Amino acid sequence: MDIYVGRQPIFNKNYEVIGYELLYRSGDKNFYDAIDGDKATIDVLINSFMNIGIEKLTNGARCFINFTETLLKKQLPFHFPKNLVVVEILENIPYSEGLLDICRKLKAEGYMIALDDFILNP
């Protein structure tokens, strides 16, 4: 069985790797085939933590993982180590009080949150 996960380095201002964004890939062509977002995230988590091994994949650095609105509402990020996982909130998730509550809970538990492709509309 072939397993694919995209790994994109994230650098600080000194060009040092501080983590990796882990991305769903359906095969060796290295692209996202627009499957269901929930399934893509779950595949990334299973492949990264169980099949490949997160330490091997990230060398102990944090992994930035896209979470869908559904998976956030199901509190899936809480099942993964807060010192390794950065919860990326996708740009297509609309702001809501429920989303804000989830973010508050994540922050209170010590998780780091990142906004993916965020554009501020004044």
PDB file of N, CA and C in Angstrom:
ATOM      1  N   MET A   1       0.848  -1.182   0.000  1.00  0.00           N
ATOM      2  CA  MET A   1       0.000   0.000   0.000  1.00  0.00           C
ATOM      3  C   MET A   1       0.888   1.238   0.000  1.00  0.00           C
ATOM      4  N   ASP A   2       0.666   2.133  -0.945  1.00  0.00           N
ATOM      5  CA  ASP A   2       1.409   3.385  -1.011  1.00  0.00           C
ATOM      6  C   ASP A   2       0.706   4.447  -0.181  1.00  0.00           C
ATOM      7  N   ILE A   3       1.490   5.225   0.532  1.00  0.00           N
ATOM      8  CA  ILE A   3       0.970   6.281   1.396  1.00  0.00           C
ATOM      9  C   ILE A   3       1.619   7.587   0.977  1.00  0.00           C
ATOM     10  N   TYR A   4       0.804   8.641   0.852  1.00  0.00           N
ATOM     11  CA  TYR A   4       1.319   9.930   0.434  1.00  0.00           C
ATOM     12  C   TYR A   4       0.842  11.032   1.370  1.00  0.00           C
ATOM     13  N   VAL A   5       1.779  11.869   1.783  1.00  0.00           N
ATOM     14  CA  VAL A   5       1.489  13.077   2.556  1.00  0.00           C
ATOM     15  C   VAL A   5       2.431  14.143   2.030  1.00  0.00           C
ATOM     16  N   GLY A   6       1.873  15.308   1.671  1.00  0.00           N
ATOM     17  CA  GLY A   6       2.717  16.426   1.282  1.00  0.00           C
ATOM     18  C   GLY A   6       3.278  17.084   2.523  1.00  0.00           C
ATOM     19  N   ARG A   7       4.535  17.530   2.452  1.00  0.00           N
ATOM     20  CA  ARG A   7       5.178  18.185   3.591  1.00  0.00           C
ATOM     21  C   ARG A   7       5.825  19.469   3.104  1.00  0.00           C
ATOM     22  N   GLN A   8       5.288  20.594   3.534  1.00  0.00           N
ATOM     23  CA  GLN A   8       5.780  21.906   3.109  1.00  0.00           C
ATOM     24  C   GLN A   8       6.407  22.603   4.309  1.00  0.00           C
ATOM     25  N   PRO A   9       7.684  22.961   4.246  1.00  0.00           N
ATOM     26  CA  PRO A   9       8.314  23.611   5.396  1.00  0.00           C
ATOM     27  C   PRO A   9       7.752  25.010   5.645  1.00  0.00           C
ATOM     28  N   ILE A  10       7.738  25.380   6.901  1.00  0.00           N
ATOM     29  CA  ILE A  10       7.336  26.723   7.326  1.00  0.00           C
ATOM     30  C   ILE A  10       8.546  27.323   8.023  1.00  0.00           C
ATOM     31  N   PHE A  11       8.941  28.506   7.561  1.00  0.00           N
ATOM     32  CA  PHE A  11      10.158  29.140   8.056  1.00  0.00           C
ATOM     33  C   PHE A  11       9.843  30.341   8.941  1.00  0.00           C
ATOM     34  N   ASN A  12      10.757  30.646   9.862  1.00  0.00           N
ATOM     35  CA  ASN A  12      10.668  31.894  10.612  1.00  0.00           C
ATOM     36  C   ASN A  12      11.392  32.984   9.821  1.00  0.00           C
ATOM     37  N   LYS A  13      11.505  34.154  10.413  1.00  0.00           N
ATOM     38  CA  LYS A  13      12.107  35.273   9.675  1.00  0.00           C
ATOM     39  C   LYS A  13      13.597  35.065   9.405  1.00  0.00           C
ATOM     40  N   ASN A  14      14.233  34.107  10.105  1.00  0.00           N
ATOM     41  CA  ASN A  14      15.640  33.796   9.880  1.00  0.00           C
ATOM     42  C   ASN A  14      15.825  32.591   8.958  1.00  0.00           C
ATOM     43  N   TYR A  15      14.743  32.205   8.283  1.00  0.00           N
ATOM     44  CA  TYR A  15      14.754  31.082   7.340  1.00  0.00           C
ATOM     45  C   TYR A  15      15.088  29.748   8.007  1.00  0.00           C
ATOM     46  N   GLU A  16      14.700  29.623   9.270  1.00  0.00           N
ATOM     47  CA  GLU A  16      14.851  28.366   9.988  1.00  0.00           C
ATOM     48  C   GLU A  16      13.500  27.648   9.967  1.00  0.00           C
ATOM     49  N   VAL A  17      13.519  26.343   9.749  1.00  0.00           N
ATOM     50  CA  VAL A  17      12.276  25.571   9.722  1.00  0.00           C
ATOM     51  C   VAL A  17      11.702  25.501  11.141  1.00  0.00           C
ATOM     52  N   ILE A  18      10.451  25.971  11.277  1.00  0.00           N
ATOM     53  CA  ILE A  18       9.785  25.900  12.580  1.00  0.00           C
ATOM     54  C   ILE A  18       8.655  24.869  12.586  1.00  0.00           C
ATOM     55  N   GLY A  19       8.355  24.340  11.421  1.00  0.00           N
ATOM     56  CA  GLY A  19       7.301  23.341  11.325  1.00  0.00           C
ATOM     57  C   GLY A  19       7.068  22.967   9.881  1.00  0.00           C
ATOM     58  N   TYR A  20       6.092  22.088   9.700  1.00  0.00           N
ATOM     59  CA  TYR A  20       5.730  21.638   8.360  1.00  0.00           C
ATOM     60  C   TYR A  20       4.220  21.627   8.229  1.00  0.00           C
ATOM     61  N   GLU A  21       3.719  22.160   7.125  1.00  0.00           N
ATOM     62  CA  GLU A  21       2.306  21.986   6.823  1.00  0.00           C
ATOM     63  C   GLU A  21       2.180  20.620   6.169  1.00  0.00           C
ATOM     64  N   LEU A  22       1.306  19.792   6.736  1.00  0.00           N
ATOM     65  CA  LEU A  22       1.085  18.460   6.184  1.00  0.00           C
ATOM     66  C   LEU A  22      -0.158  18.510   5.316  1.00  0.00           C
ATOM     67  N   LEU A  23      -0.030  18.019   4.099  1.00  0.00           N
ATOM     68  CA  LEU A  23      -1.071  18.162   3.095  1.00  0.00           C
ATOM     69  C   LEU A  23      -1.477  16.811   2.520  1.00  0.00           C
ATOM     70  N   TYR A  24      -2.749  16.666   2.269  1.00  0.00           N
ATOM     71  CA  TYR A  24      -3.271  15.451   1.648  1.00  0.00           C
ATOM     72  C   TYR A  24      -2.761  15.333   0.218  1.00  0.00           C
ATOM     73  N   ARG A  25      -2.312  14.145  -0.134  1.00  0.00           N
ATOM     74  CA  ARG A  25      -1.940  13.839  -1.514  1.00  0.00           C
ATOM     75  C   ARG A  25      -2.510  12.461  -1.842  1.00  0.00           C
ATOM     76  N   SER A  26      -3.125  12.350  -3.007  1.00  0.00           N
ATOM     77  CA  SER A  26      -3.789  11.101  -3.363  1.00  0.00           C
ATOM     78  C   SER A  26      -2.873  10.118  -4.078  1.00  0.00           C
ATOM     79  N   GLY A  27      -1.722  10.572  -4.495  1.00  0.00           N
ATOM     80  CA  GLY A  27      -0.819   9.680  -5.214  1.00  0.00           C
ATOM     81  C   GLY A  27       0.515  10.344  -5.473  1.00  0.00           C
ATOM     82  N   ASP A  28       1.314   9.717  -6.287  1.00  0.00           N
ATOM     83  CA  ASP A  28       2.666  10.201  -6.528  1.00  0.00           C
ATOM     84  C   ASP A  28       2.728  11.414  -7.459  1.00  0.00           C
ATOM     85  N   LYS A  29       1.597  11.902  -7.924  1.00  0.00           N
ATOM     86  CA  LYS A  29       1.568  13.090  -8.790  1.00  0.00           C
ATOM     87  C   LYS A  29       1.669  14.389  -7.992  1.00  0.00           C
ATOM     88  N   ASN A  30       1.618  14.288  -6.641  1.00  0.00           N
ATOM     89  CA  ASN A  30       1.800  15.415  -5.735  1.00  0.00           C
ATOM     90  C   ASN A  30       0.781  16.536  -5.956  1.00  0.00           C
ATOM     91  N   PHE A  31      -0.500  16.196  -5.909  1.00  0.00           N
ATOM     92  CA  PHE A  31      -1.544  17.203  -5.998  1.00  0.00           C
ATOM     93  C   PHE A  31      -2.735  16.774  -5.160  1.00  0.00           C
ATOM     94  N   TYR A  32      -3.596  17.738  -4.857  1.00  0.00           N
ATOM     95  CA  TYR A  32      -4.823  17.511  -4.092  1.00  0.00           C
ATOM     96  C   TYR A  32      -5.944  17.288  -5.091  1.00  0.00           C
ATOM     97  N   ASP A  33      -6.611  16.146  -5.014  1.00  0.00           N
ATOM     98  CA  ASP A  33      -7.633  15.816  -6.007  1.00  0.00           C
ATOM     99  C   ASP A  33      -9.048  16.254  -5.617  1.00  0.00           C
ATOM    100  N   ALA A  34      -9.139  17.180  -4.672  1.00  0.00           N
ATOM    101  CA  ALA A  34     -10.414  17.792  -4.275  1.00  0.00           C
ATOM    102  C   ALA A  34     -11.435  16.791  -3.745  1.00  0.00           C
ATOM    103  N   ILE A  35     -10.949  15.784  -3.030  1.00  0.00           N
ATOM    104  CA  ILE A  35     -11.890  14.887  -2.366  1.00  0.00           C
ATOM    105  C   ILE A  35     -12.511  15.631  -1.194  1.00  0.00           C
ATOM    106  N   ASP A  36     -13.382  14.982  -0.494  1.00  0.00           N
ATOM    107  CA  ASP A  36     -14.018  15.541   0.693  1.00  0.00           C
ATOM    108  C   ASP A  36     -12.954  16.028   1.690  1.00  0.00           C
ATOM    109  N   GLY A  37     -13.092  17.257   2.157  1.00  0.00           N
ATOM    110  CA  GLY A  37     -12.118  17.849   3.072  1.00  0.00           C
ATOM    111  C   GLY A  37     -11.969  17.091   4.378  1.00  0.00           C
ATOM    112  N   ASP A  38     -13.083  16.567   4.905  1.00  0.00           N
ATOM    113  CA  ASP A  38     -13.009  15.778   6.139  1.00  0.00           C
ATOM    114  C   ASP A  38     -12.140  14.544   5.921  1.00  0.00           C
ATOM    115  N   LYS A  39     -12.386  13.844   4.813  1.00  0.00           N
ATOM    116  CA  LYS A  39     -11.615  12.642   4.509  1.00  0.00           C
ATOM    117  C   LYS A  39     -10.145  12.974   4.294  1.00  0.00           C
ATOM    118  N   ALA A  40      -9.865  14.076   3.634  1.00  0.00           N
ATOM    119  CA  ALA A  40      -8.475  14.466   3.386  1.00  0.00           C
ATOM    120  C   ALA A  40      -7.736  14.693   4.706  1.00  0.00           C
ATOM    121  N   THR A  41      -8.357  15.424   5.633  1.00  0.00           N
ATOM    122  CA  THR A  41      -7.718  15.685   6.920  1.00  0.00           C
ATOM    123  C   THR A  41      -7.524  14.394   7.695  1.00  0.00           C
ATOM    124  N   ILE A  42      -8.534  13.553   7.723  1.00  0.00           N
ATOM    125  CA  ILE A  42      -8.424  12.287   8.446  1.00  0.00           C
ATOM    126  C   ILE A  42      -7.328  11.420   7.843  1.00  0.00           C
ATOM    127  N   ASP A  43      -7.223  11.371   6.518  1.00  0.00           N
ATOM    128  CA  ASP A  43      -6.145  10.612   5.872  1.00  0.00           C
ATOM    129  C   ASP A  43      -4.777  11.168   6.258  1.00  0.00           C
ATOM    130  N   VAL A  44      -4.638  12.491   6.274  1.00  0.00           N
ATOM    131  CA  VAL A  44      -3.364  13.104   6.661  1.00  0.00           C
ATOM    132  C   VAL A  44      -3.019  12.707   8.096  1.00  0.00           C
ATOM    133  N   LEU A  45      -3.986  12.781   8.992  1.00  0.00           N
ATOM    134  CA  LEU A  45      -3.729  12.439  10.394  1.00  0.00           C
ATOM    135  C   LEU A  45      -3.352  10.968  10.558  1.00  0.00           C
ATOM    136  N   ILE A  46      -4.108  10.087   9.942  1.00  0.00           N
ATOM    137  CA  ILE A  46      -3.816   8.648  10.052  1.00  0.00           C
ATOM    138  C   ILE A  46      -2.455   8.325   9.451  1.00  0.00           C
ATOM    139  N   ASN A  47      -2.203   8.831   8.253  1.00  0.00           N
ATOM    140  CA  ASN A  47      -0.930   8.532   7.606  1.00  0.00           C
ATOM    141  C   ASN A  47       0.252   9.139   8.352  1.00  0.00           C
ATOM    142  N   SER A  48       0.087  10.348   8.872  1.00  0.00           N
ATOM    143  CA  SER A  48       1.190  11.028   9.544  1.00  0.00           C
ATOM    144  C   SER A  48       1.497  10.437  10.910  1.00  0.00           C
ATOM    145  N   PHE A  49       0.463  10.170  11.684  1.00  0.00           N
ATOM    146  CA  PHE A  49       0.678   9.705  13.046  1.00  0.00           C
ATOM    147  C   PHE A  49       0.806   8.189  13.159  1.00  0.00           C
ATOM    148  N   MET A  50       0.096   7.450  12.323  1.00  0.00           N
ATOM    149  CA  MET A  50       0.080   6.001  12.490  1.00  0.00           C
ATOM    150  C   MET A  50       0.925   5.259  11.453  1.00  0.00           C
ATOM    151  N   ASN A  51       0.791   5.615  10.196  1.00  0.00           N
ATOM    152  CA  ASN A  51       1.469   4.845   9.150  1.00  0.00           C
ATOM    153  C   ASN A  51       2.927   5.254   8.942  1.00  0.00           C
ATOM    154  N   ILE A  52       3.205   6.543   8.919  1.00  0.00           N
ATOM    155  CA  ILE A  52       4.572   7.024   8.702  1.00  0.00           C
ATOM    156  C   ILE A  52       5.268   7.253  10.034  1.00  0.00           C
ATOM    157  N   GLY A  53       4.586   7.932  10.936  1.00  0.00           N
ATOM    158  CA  GLY A  53       5.166   8.317  12.220  1.00  0.00           C
ATOM    159  C   GLY A  53       5.483   9.801  12.200  1.00  0.00           C
ATOM    160  N   ILE A  54       4.867  10.539  13.108  1.00  0.00           N
ATOM    161  CA  ILE A  54       4.994  12.003  13.085  1.00  0.00           C
ATOM    162  C   ILE A  54       6.423  12.462  13.344  1.00  0.00           C
ATOM    163  N   GLU A  55       7.157  11.759  14.206  1.00  0.00           N
ATOM    164  CA  GLU A  55       8.553  12.134  14.471  1.00  0.00           C
ATOM    165  C   GLU A  55       9.409  11.984  13.214  1.00  0.00           C
ATOM    166  N   LYS A  56       9.180  10.916  12.495  1.00  0.00           N
ATOM    167  CA  LYS A  56       9.928  10.680  11.261  1.00  0.00           C
ATOM    168  C   LYS A  56       9.584  11.745  10.208  1.00  0.00           C
ATOM    169  N   LEU A  57       8.331  12.130  10.164  1.00  0.00           N
ATOM    170  CA  LEU A  57       7.848  13.074   9.153  1.00  0.00           C
ATOM    171  C   LEU A  57       8.269  14.512   9.443  1.00  0.00           C
ATOM    172  N   THR A  58       8.323  14.884  10.723  1.00  0.00           N
ATOM    173  CA  THR A  58       8.578  16.293  11.068  1.00  0.00           C
ATOM    174  C   THR A  58       9.851  16.526  11.878  1.00  0.00           C
ATOM    175  N   ASN A  59      10.562  15.473  12.214  1.00  0.00           N
ATOM    176  CA  ASN A  59      11.772  15.601  13.041  1.00  0.00           C
ATOM    177  C   ASN A  59      11.503  16.342  14.344  1.00  0.00           C
ATOM    178  N   GLY A  60      10.320  16.156  14.898  1.00  0.00           N
ATOM    179  CA  GLY A  60       9.970  16.791  16.167  1.00  0.00           C
ATOM    180  C   GLY A  60       9.422  18.203  16.055  1.00  0.00           C
ATOM    181  N   ALA A  61       9.406  18.758  14.837  1.00  0.00           N
ATOM    182  CA  ALA A  61       8.853  20.109  14.643  1.00  0.00           C
ATOM    183  C   ALA A  61       7.327  20.029  14.655  1.00  0.00           C
ATOM    184  N   ARG A  62       6.691  21.162  14.826  1.00  0.00           N
ATOM    185  CA  ARG A  62       5.228  21.199  14.807  1.00  0.00           C
ATOM    186  C   ARG A  62       4.708  20.881  13.404  1.00  0.00           C
ATOM    187  N   CYS A  63       3.520  20.284  13.373  1.00  0.00           N
ATOM    188  CA  CYS A  63       2.870  20.031  12.093  1.00  0.00           C
ATOM    189  C   CYS A  63       1.599  20.870  12.020  1.00  0.00           C
ATOM    190  N   PHE A  64       1.462  21.601  10.952  1.00  0.00           N
ATOM    191  CA  PHE A  64       0.304  22.442  10.695  1.00  0.00           C
ATOM    192  C   PHE A  64      -0.666  21.621   9.868  1.00  0.00           C
ATOM    193  N   ILE A  65      -1.884  21.433  10.384  1.00  0.00           N
ATOM    194  CA  ILE A  65      -2.854  20.568   9.714  1.00  0.00           C
ATOM    195  C   ILE A  65      -4.164  21.318   9.522  1.00  0.00           C
ATOM    196  N   ASN A  66      -4.679  21.293   8.294  1.00  0.00           N
ATOM    197  CA  ASN A  66      -5.966  21.918   7.981  1.00  0.00           C
ATOM    198  C   ASN A  66      -7.099  21.116   8.612  1.00  0.00           C
ATOM    199  N   PHE A  67      -7.965  21.803   9.334  1.00  0.00           N
ATOM    200  CA  PHE A  67      -9.145  21.168   9.910  1.00  0.00           C
ATOM    201  C   PHE A  67     -10.386  21.819   9.325  1.00  0.00           C
ATOM    202  N   THR A  68     -11.337  20.995   8.924  1.00  0.00           N
ATOM    203  CA  THR A  68     -12.601  21.498   8.391  1.00  0.00           C
ATOM    204  C   THR A  68     -13.494  21.939   9.545  1.00  0.00           C
ATOM    205  N   GLU A  69     -14.548  22.655   9.208  1.00  0.00           N
ATOM    206  CA  GLU A  69     -15.513  23.090  10.218  1.00  0.00           C
ATOM    207  C   GLU A  69     -16.130  21.887  10.935  1.00  0.00           C
ATOM    208  N   THR A  70     -16.464  20.860  10.184  1.00  0.00           N
ATOM    209  CA  THR A  70     -17.062  19.654  10.773  1.00  0.00           C
ATOM    210  C   THR A  70     -16.124  19.009  11.781  1.00  0.00           C
ATOM    211  N   LEU A  71     -14.846  18.875  11.426  1.00  0.00           N
ATOM    212  CA  LEU A  71     -13.896  18.224  12.326  1.00  0.00           C
ATOM    213  C   LEU A  71     -13.582  19.092  13.537  1.00  0.00           C
ATOM    214  N   LEU A  72     -13.632  20.395  13.370  1.00  0.00           N
ATOM    215  CA  LEU A  72     -13.469  21.286  14.526  1.00  0.00           C
ATOM    216  C   LEU A  72     -14.645  21.129  15.484  1.00  0.00           C
ATOM    217  N   LYS A  73     -15.858  21.088  14.932  1.00  0.00           N
ATOM    218  CA  LYS A  73     -17.048  20.920  15.772  1.00  0.00           C
ATOM    219  C   LYS A  73     -17.039  19.578  16.501  1.00  0.00           C
ATOM    220  N   LYS A  74     -16.446  18.569  15.883  1.00  0.00           N
ATOM    221  CA  LYS A  74     -16.340  17.245  16.523  1.00  0.00           C
ATOM    222  C   LYS A  74     -15.153  17.173  17.487  1.00  0.00           C
ATOM    223  N   GLN A  75     -14.432  18.287  17.605  1.00  0.00           N
ATOM    224  CA  GLN A  75     -13.302  18.440  18.521  1.00  0.00           C
ATOM    225  C   GLN A  75     -12.161  17.454  18.234  1.00  0.00           C
ATOM    226  N   LEU A  76     -11.981  17.117  16.977  1.00  0.00           N
ATOM    227  CA  LEU A  76     -10.926  16.189  16.587  1.00  0.00           C
ATOM    228  C   LEU A  76      -9.519  16.657  16.988  1.00  0.00           C
ATOM    229  N   PRO A  77      -9.189  17.947  16.883  1.00  0.00           N
ATOM    230  CA  PRO A  77      -7.817  18.339  17.244  1.00  0.00           C
ATOM    231  C   PRO A  77      -7.413  17.953  18.663  1.00  0.00           C
ATOM    232  N   PHE A  78      -8.371  17.875  19.581  1.00  0.00           N
ATOM    233  CA  PHE A  78      -8.060  17.570  20.973  1.00  0.00           C
ATOM    234  C   PHE A  78      -7.520  16.152  21.167  1.00  0.00           C
ATOM    235  N   HIS A  79      -7.616  15.314  20.154  1.00  0.00           N
ATOM    236  CA  HIS A  79      -7.115  13.942  20.240  1.00  0.00           C
ATOM    237  C   HIS A  79      -5.646  13.829  19.839  1.00  0.00           C
ATOM    238  N   PHE A  80      -5.019  14.967  19.517  1.00  0.00           N
ATOM    239  CA  PHE A  80      -3.638  14.966  19.064  1.00  0.00           C
ATOM    240  C   PHE A  80      -2.804  15.882  19.958  1.00  0.00           C
ATOM    241  N   PRO A  81      -1.497  15.591  20.055  1.00  0.00           N
ATOM    242  CA  PRO A  81      -0.655  16.337  21.001  1.00  0.00           C
ATOM    243  C   PRO A  81      -0.549  17.822  20.681  1.00  0.00           C
ATOM    244  N   LYS A  82      -0.860  18.637  21.678  1.00  0.00           N
ATOM    245  CA  LYS A  82      -0.842  20.098  21.492  1.00  0.00           C
ATOM    246  C   LYS A  82       0.563  20.637  21.258  1.00  0.00           C
ATOM    247  N   ASN A  83       1.572  19.899  21.666  1.00  0.00           N
ATOM    248  CA  ASN A  83       2.936  20.368  21.434  1.00  0.00           C
ATOM    249  C   ASN A  83       3.421  20.067  20.024  1.00  0.00           C
ATOM    250  N   LEU A  84       2.650  19.278  19.266  1.00  0.00           N
ATOM    251  CA  LEU A  84       3.042  18.938  17.894  1.00  0.00           C
ATOM    252  C   LEU A  84       2.103  19.479  16.829  1.00  0.00           C
ATOM    253  N   VAL A  85       0.821  19.613  17.158  1.00  0.00           N
ATOM    254  CA  VAL A  85      -0.178  19.982  16.149  1.00  0.00           C
ATOM    255  C   VAL A  85      -0.534  21.468  16.246  1.00  0.00           C
ATOM    256  N   VAL A  86      -0.469  22.131  15.102  1.00  0.00           N
ATOM    257  CA  VAL A  86      -1.004  23.487  14.972  1.00  0.00           C
ATOM    258  C   VAL A  86      -2.291  23.351  14.176  1.00  0.00           C
ATOM    259  N   VAL A  87      -3.379  23.850  14.741  1.00  0.00           N
ATOM    260  CA  VAL A  87      -4.695  23.725  14.113  1.00  0.00           C
ATOM    261  C   VAL A  87      -4.854  24.845  13.092  1.00  0.00           C
ATOM    262  N   GLU A  88      -4.890  24.475  11.823  1.00  0.00           N
ATOM    263  CA  GLU A  88      -5.097  25.449  10.756  1.00  0.00           C
ATOM    264  C   GLU A  88      -6.591  25.540  10.461  1.00  0.00           C
ATOM    265  N   ILE A  89      -7.087  26.759  10.505  1.00  0.00           N
ATOM    266  CA  ILE A  89      -8.496  27.000  10.188  1.00  0.00           C
ATOM    267  C   ILE A  89      -8.566  27.493   8.745  1.00  0.00           C
ATOM    268  N   LEU A  90      -9.261  26.735   7.929  1.00  0.00           N
ATOM    269  CA  LEU A  90      -9.332  27.021   6.498  1.00  0.00           C
ATOM    270  C   LEU A  90     -10.086  28.315   6.202  1.00  0.00           C
ATOM    271  N   GLU A  91      -9.725  28.920   5.111  1.00  0.00           N
ATOM    272  CA  GLU A  91     -10.324  30.200   4.699  1.00  0.00           C
ATOM    273  C   GLU A  91     -11.792  30.078   4.336  1.00  0.00           C
ATOM    274  N   ASN A  92     -12.258  28.886   4.038  1.00  0.00           N
ATOM    275  CA  ASN A  92     -13.664  28.719   3.651  1.00  0.00           C
ATOM    276  C   ASN A  92     -14.585  28.448   4.841  1.00  0.00           C
ATOM    277  N   ILE A  93     -14.044  28.477   6.045  1.00  0.00           N
ATOM    278  CA  ILE A  93     -14.872  28.294   7.239  1.00  0.00           C
ATOM    279  C   ILE A  93     -15.402  29.666   7.653  1.00  0.00           C
ATOM    280  N   PRO A  94     -16.710  29.844   7.647  1.00  0.00           N
ATOM    281  CA  PRO A  94     -17.262  31.152   8.000  1.00  0.00           C
ATOM    282  C   PRO A  94     -17.138  31.435   9.496  1.00  0.00           C
ATOM    283  N   TYR A  95     -16.938  32.694   9.815  1.00  0.00           N
ATOM    284  CA  TYR A  95     -16.894  33.097  11.219  1.00  0.00           C
ATOM    285  C   TYR A  95     -18.251  32.830  11.860  1.00  0.00           C
ATOM    286  N   SER A  96     -18.218  32.324  13.072  1.00  0.00           N
ATOM    287  CA  SER A  96     -19.435  32.136  13.850  1.00  0.00           C
ATOM    288  C   SER A  96     -19.050  32.131  15.326  1.00  0.00           C
ATOM    289  N   GLU A  97     -20.034  32.317  16.185  1.00  0.00           N
ATOM    290  CA  GLU A  97     -19.779  32.247  17.626  1.00  0.00           C
ATOM    291  C   GLU A  97     -19.315  30.843  18.006  1.00  0.00           C
ATOM    292  N   GLY A  98     -19.859  29.828  17.333  1.00  0.00           N
ATOM    293  CA  GLY A  98     -19.442  28.454  17.592  1.00  0.00           C
ATOM    294  C   GLY A  98     -17.967  28.244  17.275  1.00  0.00           C
ATOM    295  N   LEU A  99     -17.511  28.794  16.143  1.00  0.00           N
ATOM    296  CA  LEU A  99     -16.109  28.695  15.772  1.00  0.00           C
ATOM    297  C   LEU A  99     -15.237  29.419  16.794  1.00  0.00           C
ATOM    298  N   LEU A 100     -15.683  30.582  17.215  1.00  0.00           N
ATOM    299  CA  LEU A 100     -14.940  31.343  18.217  1.00  0.00           C
ATOM    300  C   LEU A 100     -14.836  30.565  19.530  1.00  0.00           C
ATOM    301  N   ASP A 101     -15.895  29.890  19.930  1.00  0.00           N
ATOM    302  CA  ASP A 101     -15.875  29.062  21.143  1.00  0.00           C
ATOM    303  C   ASP A 101     -14.864  27.928  21.018  1.00  0.00           C
ATOM    304  N   ILE A 102     -14.838  27.286  19.852  1.00  0.00           N
ATOM    305  CA  ILE A 102     -13.872  26.210  19.621  1.00  0.00           C
ATOM    306  C   ILE A 102     -12.448  26.749  19.725  1.00  0.00           C
ATOM    307  N   CYS A 103     -12.207  27.909  19.134  1.00  0.00           N
ATOM    308  CA  CYS A 103     -10.872  28.516  19.192  1.00  0.00           C
ATOM    309  C   CYS A 103     -10.489  28.852  20.631  1.00  0.00           C
ATOM    310  N   ARG A 104     -11.429  29.343  21.391  1.00  0.00           N
ATOM    311  CA  ARG A 104     -11.157  29.648  22.807  1.00  0.00           C
ATOM    312  C   ARG A 104     -10.786  28.383  23.575  1.00  0.00           C
ATOM    313  N   LYS A 105     -11.489  27.289  23.309  1.00  0.00           N
ATOM    314  CA  LYS A 105     -11.197  26.012  23.989  1.00  0.00           C
ATOM    315  C   LYS A 105      -9.812  25.501  23.586  1.00  0.00           C
ATOM    316  N   LEU A 106      -9.510  25.576  22.298  1.00  0.00           N
ATOM    317  CA  LEU A 106      -8.192  25.144  21.836  1.00  0.00           C
ATOM    318  C   LEU A 106      -7.095  25.959  22.508  1.00  0.00           C
ATOM    319  N   LYS A 107      -7.261  27.256  22.534  1.00  0.00           N
ATOM    320  CA  LYS A 107      -6.270  28.146  23.145  1.00  0.00           C
ATOM    321  C   LYS A 107      -6.122  27.845  24.635  1.00  0.00           C
ATOM    322  N   ALA A 108      -7.249  27.649  25.335  1.00  0.00           N
ATOM    323  CA  ALA A 108      -7.218  27.356  26.767  1.00  0.00           C
ATOM    324  C   ALA A 108      -6.480  26.046  27.058  1.00  0.00           C
ATOM    325  N   GLU A 109      -6.553  25.100  26.116  1.00  0.00           N
ATOM    326  CA  GLU A 109      -5.871  23.813  26.285  1.00  0.00           C
ATOM    327  C   GLU A 109      -4.416  23.849  25.822  1.00  0.00           C
ATOM    328  N   GLY A 110      -3.987  25.007  25.289  1.00  0.00           N
ATOM    329  CA  GLY A 110      -2.587  25.160  24.902  1.00  0.00           C
ATOM    330  C   GLY A 110      -2.271  24.882  23.448  1.00  0.00           C
ATOM    331  N   TYR A 111      -3.296  24.757  22.609  1.00  0.00           N
ATOM    332  CA  TYR A 111      -3.061  24.536  21.184  1.00  0.00           C
ATOM    333  C   TYR A 111      -2.731  25.843  20.482  1.00  0.00           C
ATOM    334  N   MET A 112      -1.903  25.752  19.455  1.00  0.00           N
ATOM    335  CA  MET A 112      -1.611  26.885  18.602  1.00  0.00           C
ATOM    336  C   MET A 112      -2.604  26.838  17.436  1.00  0.00           C
ATOM    337  N   ILE A 113      -3.086  28.011  17.036  1.00  0.00           N
ATOM    338  CA  ILE A 113      -4.062  28.118  15.951  1.00  0.00           C
ATOM    339  C   ILE A 113      -3.454  28.991  14.853  1.00  0.00           C
ATOM    340  N   ALA A 114      -3.650  28.580  13.611  1.00  0.00           N
ATOM    341  CA  ALA A 114      -3.185  29.367  12.468  1.00  0.00           C
ATOM    342  C   ALA A 114      -4.348  29.537  11.497  1.00  0.00           C
ATOM    343  N   LEU A 115      -4.452  30.724  10.926  1.00  0.00           N
ATOM    344  CA  LEU A 115      -5.459  30.979   9.901  1.00  0.00           C
ATOM    345  C   LEU A 115      -4.822  30.716   8.544  1.00  0.00           C
ATOM    346  N   ASP A 116      -5.437  29.853   7.760  1.00  0.00           N
ATOM    347  CA  ASP A 116      -4.907  29.463   6.459  1.00  0.00           C
ATOM    348  C   ASP A 116      -5.458  30.382   5.370  1.00  0.00           C
ATOM    349  N   ASP A 117      -4.572  30.999   4.607  1.00  0.00           N
ATOM    350  CA  ASP A 117      -4.960  31.894   3.507  1.00  0.00           C
ATOM    351  C   ASP A 117      -5.944  32.970   3.939  1.00  0.00           C
ATOM    352  N   PHE A 118      -5.704  33.533   5.093  1.00  0.00           N
ATOM    353  CA  PHE A 118      -6.589  34.550   5.657  1.00  0.00           C
ATOM    354  C   PHE A 118      -6.332  35.899   4.984  1.00  0.00           C
ATOM    355  N   ILE A 119      -7.423  36.576   4.634  1.00  0.00           N
ATOM    356  CA  ILE A 119      -7.352  37.932   4.082  1.00  0.00           C
ATOM    357  C   ILE A 119      -8.284  38.805   4.893  1.00  0.00           C
ATOM    358  N   LEU A 120      -7.758  39.860   5.463  1.00  0.00           N
ATOM    359  CA  LEU A 120      -8.566  40.774   6.261  1.00  0.00           C
ATOM    360  C   LEU A 120      -9.345  41.701   5.333  1.00  0.00           C
ATOM    361  N   ASN A 121     -10.650  41.689   5.492  1.00  0.00           N
ATOM    362  CA  ASN A 121     -11.512  42.593   4.719  1.00  0.00           C
ATOM    363  C   ASN A 121     -11.984  43.694   5.655  1.00  0.00           C
ATOM    364  N   PRO A 122     -11.379  44.866   5.554  1.00  0.00           N
ATOM    365  CA  PRO A 122     -11.754  45.961   6.477  1.00  0.00           C
ATOM    366  C   PRO A 122     -13.168  46.469   6.245  1.00  0.00           C
TER     367      PRO A 122
END
